PDB file of N, CA and C in Angstrom:
ATOM      1  N   UNK A   1     -21.309 -14.928  26.505  1.00  0.00           N
ATOM      2  CA  UNK A   1     -20.345 -15.642  25.691  1.00  0.00           C
ATOM      3  C   UNK A   1     -18.977 -15.502  26.340  1.00  0.00           C
ATOM      4  N   UNK A   2     -18.266 -16.581  26.449  1.00  0.00           N
ATOM      5  CA  UNK A   2     -16.938 -16.593  27.054  1.00  0.00           C
ATOM      6  C   UNK A   2     -15.878 -16.552  25.960  1.00  0.00           C
ATOM      7  N   UNK A   3     -15.049 -15.532  25.981  1.00  0.00           N
ATOM      8  CA  UNK A   3     -14.020 -15.366  24.959  1.00  0.00           C
ATOM      9  C   UNK A   3     -12.648 -15.852  25.419  1.00  0.00           C
ATOM     10  N   UNK A   4     -12.568 -16.472  26.573  1.00  0.00           N
ATOM     11  CA  UNK A   4     -11.261 -16.874  27.105  1.00  0.00           C
ATOM     12  C   UNK A   4     -10.585 -17.939  26.243  1.00  0.00           C
ATOM     13  N   UNK A   5     -11.336 -18.636  25.415  1.00  0.00           N
ATOM     14  CA  UNK A   5     -10.754 -19.661  24.556  1.00  0.00           C
ATOM     15  C   UNK A   5     -10.218 -19.129  23.248  1.00  0.00           C
ATOM     16  N   UNK A   6     -10.438 -17.848  22.968  1.00  0.00           N
ATOM     17  CA  UNK A   6      -9.965 -17.265  21.724  1.00  0.00           C
ATOM     18  C   UNK A   6      -8.466 -17.083  21.761  1.00  0.00           C
ATOM     19  N   UNK A   7      -7.841 -17.325  20.652  1.00  0.00           N
ATOM     20  CA  UNK A   7      -6.403 -17.081  20.503  1.00  0.00           C
ATOM     21  C   UNK A   7      -6.195 -16.207  19.281  1.00  0.00           C
ATOM     22  N   UNK A   8      -5.248 -15.320  19.373  1.00  0.00           N
ATOM     23  CA  UNK A   8      -4.941 -14.488  18.220  1.00  0.00           C
ATOM     24  C   UNK A   8      -4.217 -15.329  17.180  1.00  0.00           C
ATOM     25  N   UNK A   9      -4.192 -14.814  15.956  1.00  0.00           N
ATOM     26  CA  UNK A   9      -3.459 -15.497  14.874  1.00  0.00           C
ATOM     27  C   UNK A   9      -2.010 -15.685  15.288  1.00  0.00           C
ATOM     28  N   UNK A  10      -1.429 -14.641  15.858  1.00  0.00           N
ATOM     29  CA  UNK A  10      -0.022 -14.697  16.259  1.00  0.00           C
ATOM     30  C   UNK A  10       0.206 -15.797  17.297  1.00  0.00           C
ATOM     31  N   UNK A  11      -0.678 -15.887  18.292  1.00  0.00           N
ATOM     32  CA  UNK A  11      -0.558 -16.909  19.332  1.00  0.00           C
ATOM     33  C   UNK A  11      -0.650 -18.300  18.722  1.00  0.00           C
ATOM     34  N   UNK A  12      -1.614 -18.483  17.821  1.00  0.00           N
ATOM     35  CA  UNK A  12      -1.757 -19.805  17.182  1.00  0.00           C
ATOM     36  C   UNK A  12      -0.517 -20.162  16.377  1.00  0.00           C
ATOM     37  N   UNK A  13       0.053 -19.171  15.665  1.00  0.00           N
ATOM     38  CA  UNK A  13       1.277 -19.434  14.897  1.00  0.00           C
ATOM     39  C   UNK A  13       2.420 -19.834  15.819  1.00  0.00           C
ATOM     40  N   UNK A  14       2.573 -19.090  16.922  1.00  0.00           N
ATOM     41  CA  UNK A  14       3.656 -19.375  17.865  1.00  0.00           C
ATOM     42  C   UNK A  14       3.509 -20.754  18.510  1.00  0.00           C
ATOM     43  N   UNK A  15       2.276 -21.204  18.667  1.00  0.00           N
ATOM     44  CA  UNK A  15       2.023 -22.526  19.231  1.00  0.00           C
ATOM     45  C   UNK A  15       2.137 -23.636  18.189  1.00  0.00           C
ATOM     46  N   UNK A  16       2.391 -23.251  16.945  1.00  0.00           N
ATOM     47  CA  UNK A  16       2.529 -24.239  15.881  1.00  0.00           C
ATOM     48  C   UNK A  16       1.204 -24.746  15.354  1.00  0.00           C
ATOM     49  N   UNK A  17       0.122 -24.078  15.687  1.00  0.00           N
ATOM     50  CA  UNK A  17      -1.192 -24.485  15.214  1.00  0.00           C
ATOM     51  C   UNK A  17      -1.405 -23.950  13.802  1.00  0.00           C
ATOM     52  N   UNK A  18      -2.171 -24.660  12.986  1.00  0.00           N
ATOM     53  CA  UNK A  18      -2.443 -24.163  11.628  1.00  0.00           C
ATOM     54  C   UNK A  18      -3.267 -22.878  11.693  1.00  0.00           C
ATOM     55  N   UNK A  19      -2.918 -21.948  10.827  1.00  0.00           N
ATOM     56  CA  UNK A  19      -3.613 -20.672  10.775  1.00  0.00           C
ATOM     57  C   UNK A  19      -4.066 -20.427   9.346  1.00  0.00           C
ATOM     58  N   UNK A  20      -5.361 -20.366   9.156  1.00  0.00           N
ATOM     59  CA  UNK A  20      -5.932 -20.059   7.851  1.00  0.00           C
ATOM     60  C   UNK A  20      -6.297 -18.585   7.830  1.00  0.00           C
ATOM     61  N   UNK A  21      -5.658 -17.812   6.955  1.00  0.00           N
ATOM     62  CA  UNK A  21      -6.003 -16.394   6.900  1.00  0.00           C
ATOM     63  C   UNK A  21      -7.400 -16.193   6.311  1.00  0.00           C
ATOM     64  N   UNK A  22      -8.080 -15.196   6.818  1.00  0.00           N
ATOM     65  CA  UNK A  22      -9.404 -14.880   6.281  1.00  0.00           C
ATOM     66  C   UNK A  22      -9.239 -14.221   4.915  1.00  0.00           C
ATOM     67  N   UNK A  23     -10.251 -14.297   4.069  1.00  0.00           N
ATOM     68  CA  UNK A  23     -10.169 -13.626   2.766  1.00  0.00           C
ATOM     69  C   UNK A  23      -9.891 -12.127   2.895  1.00  0.00           C
ATOM     70  N   UNK A  24     -10.462 -11.485   3.904  1.00  0.00           N
ATOM     71  CA  UNK A  24     -10.232 -10.051   4.097  1.00  0.00           C
ATOM     72  C   UNK A  24      -8.769  -9.784   4.453  1.00  0.00           C
ATOM     73  N   UNK A  25      -8.170 -10.657   5.237  1.00  0.00           N
ATOM     74  CA  UNK A  25      -6.761 -10.517   5.618  1.00  0.00           C
ATOM     75  C   UNK A  25      -5.864 -10.637   4.384  1.00  0.00           C
ATOM     76  N   UNK A  26      -6.162 -11.609   3.532  1.00  0.00           N
ATOM     77  CA  UNK A  26      -5.390 -11.822   2.304  1.00  0.00           C
ATOM     78  C   UNK A  26      -5.539 -10.617   1.375  1.00  0.00           C
ATOM     79  N   UNK A  27      -6.768 -10.132   1.213  1.00  0.00           N
ATOM     80  CA  UNK A  27      -7.014  -8.986   0.350  1.00  0.00           C
ATOM     81  C   UNK A  27      -6.286  -7.741   0.858  1.00  0.00           C
ATOM     82  N   UNK A  28      -6.263  -7.548   2.158  1.00  0.00           N
ATOM     83  CA  UNK A  28      -5.556  -6.405   2.735  1.00  0.00           C
ATOM     84  C   UNK A  28      -4.057  -6.510   2.450  1.00  0.00           C
ATOM     85  N   UNK A  29      -3.523  -7.720   2.501  1.00  0.00           N
ATOM     86  CA  UNK A  29      -2.115  -7.925   2.180  1.00  0.00           C
ATOM     87  C   UNK A  29      -1.808  -7.578   0.735  1.00  0.00           C
ATOM     88  N   UNK A  30      -2.708  -7.961  -0.179  1.00  0.00           N
ATOM     89  CA  UNK A  30      -2.532  -7.611  -1.591  1.00  0.00           C
ATOM     90  C   UNK A  30      -2.548  -6.094  -1.776  1.00  0.00           C
ATOM     91  N   UNK A  31      -3.522  -5.437  -1.141  1.00  0.00           N
ATOM     92  CA  UNK A  31      -3.645  -3.985  -1.279  1.00  0.00           C
ATOM     93  C   UNK A  31      -2.399  -3.280  -0.757  1.00  0.00           C
ATOM     94  N   UNK A  32      -1.883  -3.744   0.372  1.00  0.00           N
ATOM     95  CA  UNK A  32      -0.691  -3.121   0.943  1.00  0.00           C
ATOM     96  C   UNK A  32       0.523  -3.338   0.035  1.00  0.00           C
ATOM     97  N   UNK A  33       0.703  -4.562  -0.473  1.00  0.00           N
ATOM     98  CA  UNK A  33       1.846  -4.863  -1.344  1.00  0.00           C
ATOM     99  C   UNK A  33       1.780  -4.041  -2.628  1.00  0.00           C
ATOM    100  N   UNK A  34       0.600  -3.910  -3.206  1.00  0.00           N
ATOM    101  CA  UNK A  34       0.451  -3.095  -4.412  1.00  0.00           C
ATOM    102  C   UNK A  34       0.753  -1.632  -4.103  1.00  0.00           C
ATOM    103  N   UNK A  35       0.222  -1.132  -3.009  1.00  0.00           N
ATOM    104  CA  UNK A  35       0.479   0.255  -2.621  1.00  0.00           C
ATOM    105  C   UNK A  35       1.957   0.546  -2.451  1.00  0.00           C
ATOM    106  N   UNK A  36       2.676  -0.398  -1.862  1.00  0.00           N
ATOM    107  CA  UNK A  36       4.120  -0.224  -1.679  1.00  0.00           C
ATOM    108  C   UNK A  36       4.835  -0.200  -3.025  1.00  0.00           C
ATOM    109  N   UNK A  37       4.404  -1.048  -3.958  1.00  0.00           N
ATOM    110  CA  UNK A  37       5.023  -1.076  -5.281  1.00  0.00           C
ATOM    111  C   UNK A  37       4.779   0.236  -6.030  1.00  0.00           C
ATOM    112  N   UNK A  38       3.569   0.781  -5.930  1.00  0.00           N
ATOM    113  CA  UNK A  38       3.266   2.060  -6.583  1.00  0.00           C
ATOM    114  C   UNK A  38       4.129   3.152  -5.963  1.00  0.00           C
ATOM    115  N   UNK A  39       4.186   3.183  -4.641  1.00  0.00           N
ATOM    116  CA  UNK A  39       4.993   4.197  -3.962  1.00  0.00           C
ATOM    117  C   UNK A  39       6.468   4.102  -4.370  1.00  0.00           C
ATOM    118  N   UNK A  40       7.014   2.884  -4.356  1.00  0.00           N
ATOM    119  CA  UNK A  40       8.432   2.692  -4.685  1.00  0.00           C
ATOM    120  C   UNK A  40       8.755   3.188  -6.086  1.00  0.00           C
ATOM    121  N   UNK A  41       7.910   2.835  -7.054  1.00  0.00           N
ATOM    122  CA  UNK A  41       8.156   3.253  -8.435  1.00  0.00           C
ATOM    123  C   UNK A  41       8.000   4.763  -8.580  1.00  0.00           C
ATOM    124  N   UNK A  42       6.971   5.325  -7.951  1.00  0.00           N
ATOM    125  CA  UNK A  42       6.742   6.769  -8.020  1.00  0.00           C
ATOM    126  C   UNK A  42       7.932   7.516  -7.417  1.00  0.00           C
ATOM    127  N   UNK A  43       8.419   7.043  -6.284  1.00  0.00           N
ATOM    128  CA  UNK A  43       9.558   7.690  -5.626  1.00  0.00           C
ATOM    129  C   UNK A  43      10.813   7.577  -6.483  1.00  0.00           C
ATOM    130  N   UNK A  44      11.003   6.425  -7.110  1.00  0.00           N
ATOM    131  CA  UNK A  44      12.176   6.233  -7.977  1.00  0.00           C
ATOM    132  C   UNK A  44      12.167   7.219  -9.139  1.00  0.00           C
ATOM    133  N   UNK A  45      10.966   7.521  -9.641  1.00  0.00           N
ATOM    134  CA  UNK A  45      10.836   8.472 -10.749  1.00  0.00           C
ATOM    135  C   UNK A  45      10.851   9.922 -10.268  1.00  0.00           C
ATOM    136  N   UNK A  46      10.763  10.140  -8.956  1.00  0.00           N
ATOM    137  CA  UNK A  46      10.757  11.495  -8.420  1.00  0.00           C
ATOM    138  C   UNK A  46       9.445  12.226  -8.663  1.00  0.00           C
ATOM    139  N   UNK A  47       8.354  11.464  -8.744  1.00  0.00           N
ATOM    140  CA  UNK A  47       7.044  12.065  -9.002  1.00  0.00           C
ATOM    141  C   UNK A  47       6.296  12.312  -7.696  1.00  0.00           C
ATOM    142  N   UNK A  48       5.519  13.372  -7.671  1.00  0.00           N
ATOM    143  CA  UNK A  48       4.603  13.591  -6.557  1.00  0.00           C
ATOM    144  C   UNK A  48       3.346  12.767  -6.812  1.00  0.00           C
ATOM    145  N   UNK A  49       2.543  12.595  -5.766  1.00  0.00           N
ATOM    146  CA  UNK A  49       1.267  11.910  -5.958  1.00  0.00           C
ATOM    147  C   UNK A  49       0.400  12.678  -6.954  1.00  0.00           C
ATOM    148  N   UNK A  50       0.449  13.993  -6.876  1.00  0.00           N
ATOM    149  CA  UNK A  50      -0.368  14.818  -7.781  1.00  0.00           C
ATOM    150  C   UNK A  50       0.062  14.618  -9.234  1.00  0.00           C
ATOM    151  N   UNK A  51       1.367  14.532  -9.480  1.00  0.00           N
ATOM    152  CA  UNK A  51       1.851  14.340 -10.851  1.00  0.00           C
ATOM    153  C   UNK A  51       1.479  12.953 -11.360  1.00  0.00           C
ATOM    154  N   UNK A  52       1.624  11.936 -10.525  1.00  0.00           N
ATOM    155  CA  UNK A  52       1.219  10.589 -10.941  1.00  0.00           C
ATOM    156  C   UNK A  52      -0.281  10.563 -11.230  1.00  0.00           C
ATOM    157  N   UNK A  53      -1.060  11.215 -10.388  1.00  0.00           N
ATOM    158  CA  UNK A  53      -2.508  11.267 -10.604  1.00  0.00           C
ATOM    159  C   UNK A  53      -2.827  11.928 -11.945  1.00  0.00           C
ATOM    160  N   UNK A  54      -2.148  13.019 -12.248  1.00  0.00           N
ATOM    161  CA  UNK A  54      -2.376  13.711 -13.524  1.00  0.00           C
ATOM    162  C   UNK A  54      -2.056  12.777 -14.684  1.00  0.00           C
ATOM    163  N   UNK A  55      -0.917  12.088 -14.609  1.00  0.00           N
ATOM    164  CA  UNK A  55      -0.510  11.177 -15.689  1.00  0.00           C
ATOM    165  C   UNK A  55      -1.494  10.028 -15.877  1.00  0.00           C
ATOM    166  N   UNK A  56      -2.094   9.564 -14.764  1.00  0.00           N
ATOM    167  CA  UNK A  56      -2.986   8.402 -14.813  1.00  0.00           C
ATOM    168  C   UNK A  56      -4.457   8.782 -14.967  1.00  0.00           C
ATOM    169  N   UNK A  57      -4.738  10.094 -15.029  1.00  0.00           N
ATOM    170  CA  UNK A  57      -6.132  10.524 -15.141  1.00  0.00           C
ATOM    171  C   UNK A  57      -6.918  10.249 -13.872  1.00  0.00           C
ATOM    172  N   UNK A  58      -6.263  10.431 -12.744  1.00  0.00           N
ATOM    173  CA  UNK A  58      -6.875  10.174 -11.438  1.00  0.00           C
ATOM    174  C   UNK A  58      -6.755  11.425 -10.580  1.00  0.00           C
ATOM    175  N   UNK A  59      -7.169  11.308  -9.325  1.00  0.00           N
ATOM    176  CA  UNK A  59      -6.986  12.402  -8.382  1.00  0.00           C
ATOM    177  C   UNK A  59      -5.885  12.022  -7.392  1.00  0.00           C
ATOM    178  N   UNK A  60      -5.302  13.013  -6.757  1.00  0.00           N
ATOM    179  CA  UNK A  60      -4.249  12.749  -5.767  1.00  0.00           C
ATOM    180  C   UNK A  60      -4.776  11.886  -4.617  1.00  0.00           C
ATOM    181  N   UNK A  61      -6.005  12.135  -4.099  1.00  0.00           N
ATOM    182  CA  UNK A  61      -6.503  11.256  -3.039  1.00  0.00           C
ATOM    183  C   UNK A  61      -6.645   9.795  -3.474  1.00  0.00           C
ATOM    184  N   UNK A  62      -6.960   9.558  -4.740  1.00  0.00           N
ATOM    185  CA  UNK A  62      -7.035   8.170  -5.220  1.00  0.00           C
ATOM    186  C   UNK A  62      -5.671   7.505  -5.170  1.00  0.00           C
ATOM    187  N   UNK A  63      -4.630   8.239  -5.571  1.00  0.00           N
ATOM    188  CA  UNK A  63      -3.269   7.696  -5.501  1.00  0.00           C
ATOM    189  C   UNK A  63      -2.901   7.431  -4.050  1.00  0.00           C
ATOM    190  N   UNK A  64      -3.240   8.368  -3.168  1.00  0.00           N
ATOM    191  CA  UNK A  64      -2.961   8.198  -1.748  1.00  0.00           C
ATOM    192  C   UNK A  64      -3.640   6.948  -1.193  1.00  0.00           C
ATOM    193  N   UNK A  65      -4.896   6.723  -1.587  1.00  0.00           N
ATOM    194  CA  UNK A  65      -5.616   5.525  -1.129  1.00  0.00           C
ATOM    195  C   UNK A  65      -4.952   4.247  -1.617  1.00  0.00           C
ATOM    196  N   UNK A  66      -4.480   4.237  -2.850  1.00  0.00           N
ATOM    197  CA  UNK A  66      -3.809   3.050  -3.383  1.00  0.00           C
ATOM    198  C   UNK A  66      -2.504   2.816  -2.639  1.00  0.00           C
ATOM    199  N   UNK A  67      -1.700   3.876  -2.497  1.00  0.00           N
ATOM    200  CA  UNK A  67      -0.412   3.730  -1.817  1.00  0.00           C
ATOM    201  C   UNK A  67      -0.576   3.342  -0.348  1.00  0.00           C
ATOM    202  N   UNK A  68      -1.673   3.759   0.258  1.00  0.00           N
ATOM    203  CA  UNK A  68      -1.920   3.425   1.656  1.00  0.00           C
ATOM    204  C   UNK A  68      -2.524   2.050   1.853  1.00  0.00           C
ATOM    205  N   UNK A  69      -2.777   1.342   0.765  1.00  0.00           N
ATOM    206  CA  UNK A  69      -3.364   0.011   0.865  1.00  0.00           C
ATOM    207  C   UNK A  69      -4.847   0.042   1.174  1.00  0.00           C
ATOM    208  N   UNK A  70      -5.487   1.185   0.905  1.00  0.00           N
ATOM    209  CA  UNK A  70      -6.901   1.339   1.229  1.00  0.00           C
ATOM    210  C   UNK A  70      -7.833   0.926   0.100  1.00  0.00           C
ATOM    211  N   UNK A  71      -7.283   0.546  -1.057  1.00  0.00           N
ATOM    212  CA  UNK A  71      -8.143   0.131  -2.164  1.00  0.00           C
ATOM    213  C   UNK A  71      -7.405  -0.847  -3.060  1.00  0.00           C
ATOM    214  N   UNK A  72      -8.185  -1.674  -3.733  1.00  0.00           N
ATOM    215  CA  UNK A  72      -7.657  -2.593  -4.736  1.00  0.00           C
ATOM    216  C   UNK A  72      -8.170  -2.134  -6.097  1.00  0.00           C
ATOM    217  N   UNK A  73      -7.288  -1.584  -6.936  1.00  0.00           N
ATOM    218  CA  UNK A  73      -7.714  -1.078  -8.235  1.00  0.00           C
ATOM    219  C   UNK A  73      -8.147  -2.198  -9.182  1.00  0.00           C
ATOM    220  N   UNK A  74      -8.952  -1.816 -10.145  1.00  0.00           N
ATOM    221  CA  UNK A  74      -9.374  -2.748 -11.190  1.00  0.00           C
ATOM    222  C   UNK A  74      -8.221  -2.957 -12.172  1.00  0.00           C
ATOM    223  N   UNK A  75      -8.353  -3.944 -13.023  1.00  0.00           N
ATOM    224  CA  UNK A  75      -7.311  -4.194 -14.029  1.00  0.00           C
ATOM    225  C   UNK A  75      -7.117  -3.009 -14.976  1.00  0.00           C
ATOM    226  N   UNK A  76      -8.189  -2.368 -15.466  1.00  0.00           N
ATOM    227  CA  UNK A  76      -7.961  -1.190 -16.313  1.00  0.00           C
ATOM    228  C   UNK A  76      -7.207  -0.076 -15.575  1.00  0.00           C
ATOM    229  N   UNK A  77      -7.492   0.103 -14.298  1.00  0.00           N
ATOM    230  CA  UNK A  77      -6.793   1.131 -13.531  1.00  0.00           C
ATOM    231  C   UNK A  77      -5.327   0.753 -13.330  1.00  0.00           C
ATOM    232  N   UNK A  78      -5.046  -0.523 -13.106  1.00  0.00           N
ATOM    233  CA  UNK A  78      -3.650  -0.969 -12.989  1.00  0.00           C
ATOM    234  C   UNK A  78      -2.893  -0.709 -14.291  1.00  0.00           C
ATOM    235  N   UNK A  79      -3.573  -0.894 -15.406  1.00  0.00           N
ATOM    236  CA  UNK A  79      -2.961  -0.627 -16.709  1.00  0.00           C
ATOM    237  C   UNK A  79      -2.613   0.849 -16.842  1.00  0.00           C
ATOM    238  N   UNK A  80      -3.535   1.727 -16.440  1.00  0.00           N
ATOM    239  CA  UNK A  80      -3.263   3.172 -16.483  1.00  0.00           C
ATOM    240  C   UNK A  80      -2.125   3.551 -15.551  1.00  0.00           C
ATOM    241  N   UNK A  81      -2.087   2.952 -14.367  1.00  0.00           N
ATOM    242  CA  UNK A  81      -0.999   3.239 -13.423  1.00  0.00           C
ATOM    243  C   UNK A  81       0.346   2.819 -14.001  1.00  0.00           C
ATOM    244  N   UNK A  82       0.403   1.620 -14.580  1.00  0.00           N
ATOM    245  CA  UNK A  82       1.655   1.144 -15.159  1.00  0.00           C
ATOM    246  C   UNK A  82       2.130   2.081 -16.266  1.00  0.00           C
ATOM    247  N   UNK A  83       1.202   2.506 -17.114  1.00  0.00           N
ATOM    248  CA  UNK A  83       1.564   3.435 -18.190  1.00  0.00           C
ATOM    249  C   UNK A  83       2.057   4.759 -17.611  1.00  0.00           C
ATOM    250  N   UNK A  84       1.356   5.278 -16.601  1.00  0.00           N
ATOM    251  CA  UNK A  84       1.743   6.548 -15.984  1.00  0.00           C
ATOM    252  C   UNK A  84       3.096   6.446 -15.283  1.00  0.00           C
ATOM    253  N   UNK A  85       3.445   5.240 -14.829  1.00  0.00           N
ATOM    254  CA  UNK A  85       4.728   5.009 -14.155  1.00  0.00           C
ATOM    255  C   UNK A  85       5.807   4.551 -15.138  1.00  0.00           C
ATOM    256  N   UNK A  86       5.481   4.587 -16.433  1.00  0.00           N
ATOM    257  CA  UNK A  86       6.405   4.174 -17.486  1.00  0.00           C
ATOM    258  C   UNK A  86       7.012   2.813 -17.171  1.00  0.00           C
ATOM    259  N   UNK A  87       6.116   1.859 -16.901  1.00  0.00           N
ATOM    260  CA  UNK A  87       6.574   0.537 -16.480  1.00  0.00           C
ATOM    261  C   UNK A  87       5.554  -0.520 -16.890  1.00  0.00           C
ATOM    262  N   UNK A  88       5.991  -1.763 -16.825  1.00  0.00           N
ATOM    263  CA  UNK A  88       5.060  -2.870 -16.929  1.00  0.00           C
ATOM    264  C   UNK A  88       4.902  -3.428 -15.515  1.00  0.00           C
ATOM    265  N   UNK A  89       3.768  -4.032 -15.248  1.00  0.00           N
ATOM    266  CA  UNK A  89       3.473  -4.541 -13.910  1.00  0.00           C
ATOM    267  C   UNK A  89       3.424  -6.052 -13.936  1.00  0.00           C
ATOM    268  N   UNK A  90       4.195  -6.657 -13.057  1.00  0.00           N
ATOM    269  CA  UNK A  90       4.154  -8.104 -12.879  1.00  0.00           C
ATOM    270  C   UNK A  90       3.485  -8.379 -11.542  1.00  0.00           C
ATOM    271  N   UNK A  91       2.486  -9.263 -11.565  1.00  0.00           N
ATOM    272  CA  UNK A  91       1.757  -9.630 -10.356  1.00  0.00           C
ATOM    273  C   UNK A  91       1.953 -11.123 -10.131  1.00  0.00           C
ATOM    274  N   UNK A  92       2.412 -11.468  -8.944  1.00  0.00           N
ATOM    275  CA  UNK A  92       2.615 -12.872  -8.586  1.00  0.00           C
ATOM    276  C   UNK A  92       1.808 -13.148  -7.325  1.00  0.00           C
ATOM    277  N   UNK A  93       0.752 -13.941  -7.471  1.00  0.00           N
ATOM    278  CA  UNK A  93      -0.103 -14.282  -6.338  1.00  0.00           C
ATOM    279  C   UNK A  93      -0.062 -15.785  -6.132  1.00  0.00           C
ATOM    280  N   UNK A  94       0.230 -16.195  -4.918  1.00  0.00           N
ATOM    281  CA  UNK A  94       0.156 -17.613  -4.594  1.00  0.00           C
ATOM    282  C   UNK A  94      -0.185 -17.764  -3.120  1.00  0.00           C
ATOM    283  N   UNK A  95      -0.244 -18.996  -2.660  1.00  0.00           N
ATOM    284  CA  UNK A  95      -0.674 -19.244  -1.280  1.00  0.00           C
ATOM    285  C   UNK A  95       0.325 -18.743  -0.244  1.00  0.00           C
ATOM    286  N   UNK A  96       1.559 -18.475  -0.658  1.00  0.00           N
ATOM    287  CA  UNK A  96       2.569 -18.026   0.296  1.00  0.00           C
ATOM    288  C   UNK A  96       2.748 -16.512   0.338  1.00  0.00           C
ATOM    289  N   UNK A  97       2.011 -15.797  -0.481  1.00  0.00           N
ATOM    290  CA  UNK A  97       2.146 -14.349  -0.469  1.00  0.00           C
ATOM    291  C   UNK A  97       1.866 -13.754  -1.823  1.00  0.00           C
ATOM    292  N   UNK A  98       2.311 -12.526  -1.986  1.00  0.00           N
ATOM    293  CA  UNK A  98       2.077 -11.824  -3.236  1.00  0.00           C
ATOM    294  C   UNK A  98       3.245 -10.911  -3.533  1.00  0.00           C
ATOM    295  N   UNK A  99       3.403 -10.598  -4.802  1.00  0.00           N
ATOM    296  CA  UNK A  99       4.435  -9.654  -5.217  1.00  0.00           C
ATOM    297  C   UNK A  99       3.888  -8.827  -6.367  1.00  0.00           C
ATOM    298  N   UNK A 100       4.066  -7.531  -6.260  1.00  0.00           N
ATOM    299  CA  UNK A 100       3.696  -6.589  -7.307  1.00  0.00           C
ATOM    300  C   UNK A 100       4.967  -5.830  -7.649  1.00  0.00           C
ATOM    301  N   UNK A 101       5.410  -5.936  -8.903  1.00  0.00           N
ATOM    302  CA  UNK A 101       6.671  -5.316  -9.293  1.00  0.00           C
ATOM    303  C   UNK A 101       6.471  -4.519 -10.570  1.00  0.00           C
ATOM    304  N   UNK A 102       6.832  -3.238 -10.526  1.00  0.00           N
ATOM    305  CA  UNK A 102       6.819  -2.393 -11.713  1.00  0.00           C
ATOM    306  C   UNK A 102       8.205  -2.469 -12.344  1.00  0.00           C
ATOM    307  N   UNK A 103       8.262  -2.943 -13.588  1.00  0.00           N
ATOM    308  CA  UNK A 103       9.516  -3.054 -14.323  1.00  0.00           C
ATOM    309  C   UNK A 103       9.615  -1.878 -15.292  1.00  0.00           C
ATOM    310  N   UNK A 104      10.677  -1.079 -15.181  1.00  0.00           N
ATOM    311  CA  UNK A 104      10.819   0.069 -16.078  1.00  0.00           C
ATOM    312  C   UNK A 104      10.814  -0.360 -17.533  1.00  0.00           C
ATOM    313  N   UNK A 105      10.226   0.456 -18.378  1.00  0.00           N
ATOM    314  CA  UNK A 105      10.246   0.190 -19.821  1.00  0.00           C
ATOM    315  C   UNK A 105      11.535   0.724 -20.406  1.00  0.00           C
ATOM    316  N   UNK A 106      11.847   0.312 -21.607  1.00  0.00           N
ATOM    317  CA  UNK A 106      13.008   0.856 -22.304  1.00  0.00           C
ATOM    318  C   UNK A 106      14.289   0.120 -22.010  1.00  0.00           C
ATOM    319  N   UNK A 107      14.198  -1.135 -21.623  1.00  0.00           N
ATOM    320  CA  UNK A 107      15.406  -1.931 -21.450  1.00  0.00           C
ATOM    321  C   UNK A 107      16.143  -1.695 -20.151  1.00  0.00           C
ATOM    322  N   UNK A 108      15.550  -0.986 -19.221  1.00  0.00           N
ATOM    323  CA  UNK A 108      16.213  -0.764 -17.942  1.00  0.00           C
ATOM    324  C   UNK A 108      16.217  -2.058 -17.147  1.00  0.00           C
ATOM    325  N   UNK A 109      17.193  -2.185 -16.292  1.00  0.00           N
ATOM    326  CA  UNK A 109      17.308  -3.356 -15.444  1.00  0.00           C
ATOM    327  C   UNK A 109      16.354  -3.263 -14.265  1.00  0.00           C
ATOM    328  N   UNK A 110      16.398  -4.255 -13.357  1.00  0.00           N
ATOM    329  CA  UNK A 110      15.479  -4.280 -12.233  1.00  0.00           C
ATOM    330  C   UNK A 110      15.640  -3.091 -11.288  1.00  0.00           C
ATOM    331  N   UNK A 111      16.795  -2.433 -11.330  1.00  0.00           N
ATOM    332  CA  UNK A 111      17.009  -1.273 -10.466  1.00  0.00           C
ATOM    333  C   UNK A 111      16.601   0.025 -11.141  1.00  0.00           C
ATOM    334  N   UNK A 112      16.050  -0.074 -12.371  1.00  0.00           N
ATOM    335  CA  UNK A 112      15.590   1.109 -13.071  1.00  0.00           C
ATOM    336  C   UNK A 112      16.678   1.806 -13.879  1.00  0.00           C
ATOM    337  N   UNK A 113      17.871   1.218 -13.927  1.00  0.00           N
ATOM    338  CA  UNK A 113      18.996   1.818 -14.628  1.00  0.00           C
ATOM    339  C   UNK A 113      19.224   1.068 -15.943  1.00  0.00           C
ATOM    340  N   UNK A 114      19.332   1.777 -17.063  1.00  0.00           N
ATOM    341  CA  UNK A 114      19.583   1.088 -18.334  1.00  0.00           C
ATOM    342  C   UNK A 114      20.903   0.307 -18.302  1.00  0.00           C
ATOM    343  N   UNK A 115      20.988  -0.783 -19.060  1.00  0.00           N
ATOM    344  CA  UNK A 115      22.207  -1.580 -19.093  1.00  0.00           C
ATOM    345  C   UNK A 115      23.397  -0.698 -19.478  1.00  0.00           C
ATOM    346  N   UNK A 116      24.522  -0.952 -18.836  1.00  0.00           N
ATOM    347  CA  UNK A 116      25.745  -0.208 -19.138  1.00  0.00           C
ATOM    348  C   UNK A 116      25.891   1.052 -18.326  1.00  0.00           C
ATOM    349  N   UNK A 117      24.850   1.443 -17.577  1.00  0.00           N
ATOM    350  CA  UNK A 117      24.938   2.620 -16.729  1.00  0.00           C
ATOM    351  C   UNK A 117      24.968   2.188 -15.269  1.00  0.00           C
ATOM    352  N   UNK A 118      25.513   3.033 -14.428  1.00  0.00           N
ATOM    353  CA  UNK A 118      25.602   2.739 -13.014  1.00  0.00           C
ATOM    354  C   UNK A 118      24.664   3.647 -12.261  1.00  0.00           C
ATOM    355  N   UNK A 119      23.954   3.063 -11.289  1.00  0.00           N
ATOM    356  CA  UNK A 119      23.064   3.866 -10.465  1.00  0.00           C
ATOM    357  C   UNK A 119      23.883   4.716  -9.522  1.00  0.00           C
ATOM    358  N   UNK A 120      23.490   5.970  -9.362  1.00  0.00           N
ATOM    359  CA  UNK A 120      24.193   6.842  -8.448  1.00  0.00           C
ATOM    360  C   UNK A 120      23.398   6.970  -7.165  1.00  0.00           C
ATOM    361  N   UNK A 121      24.108   7.067  -6.052  1.00  0.00           N
ATOM    362  CA  UNK A 121      23.442   7.230  -4.768  1.00  0.00           C
ATOM    363  C   UNK A 121      22.968   8.672  -4.625  1.00  0.00           C
ATOM    364  N   UNK A 122      21.758   8.825  -4.147  1.00  0.00           N
ATOM    365  CA  UNK A 122      21.201  10.175  -4.002  1.00  0.00           C
ATOM    366  C   UNK A 122      21.450  10.704  -2.619  1.00  0.00           C
TER     367      UNK A 122
END
């Protein structure tokens, strides 16, 4: 078999050719975006992976796998994570990408700071 005609996704994009992502590629992107959102919220709260795992009824390695983009949790697990992170989760999936955003509960703004308060630099 001759592979000289193969082009990478990047090469095809640079040449202006249409590139259809594989389902596995799309799923990996979702997992990574969700993992980043979990990490960002956990870090904002100052929680360790072990503490988040305790709050969510999970193990630390499970949290690590989610944050590393190595797994896609089920909807019930996402619900437990949101509760453990004291947040609601907004998921936006479309053909151009995905967004997973944890919104703090209790009237806090998008930066996690309640209205009328100023965020301090750490």
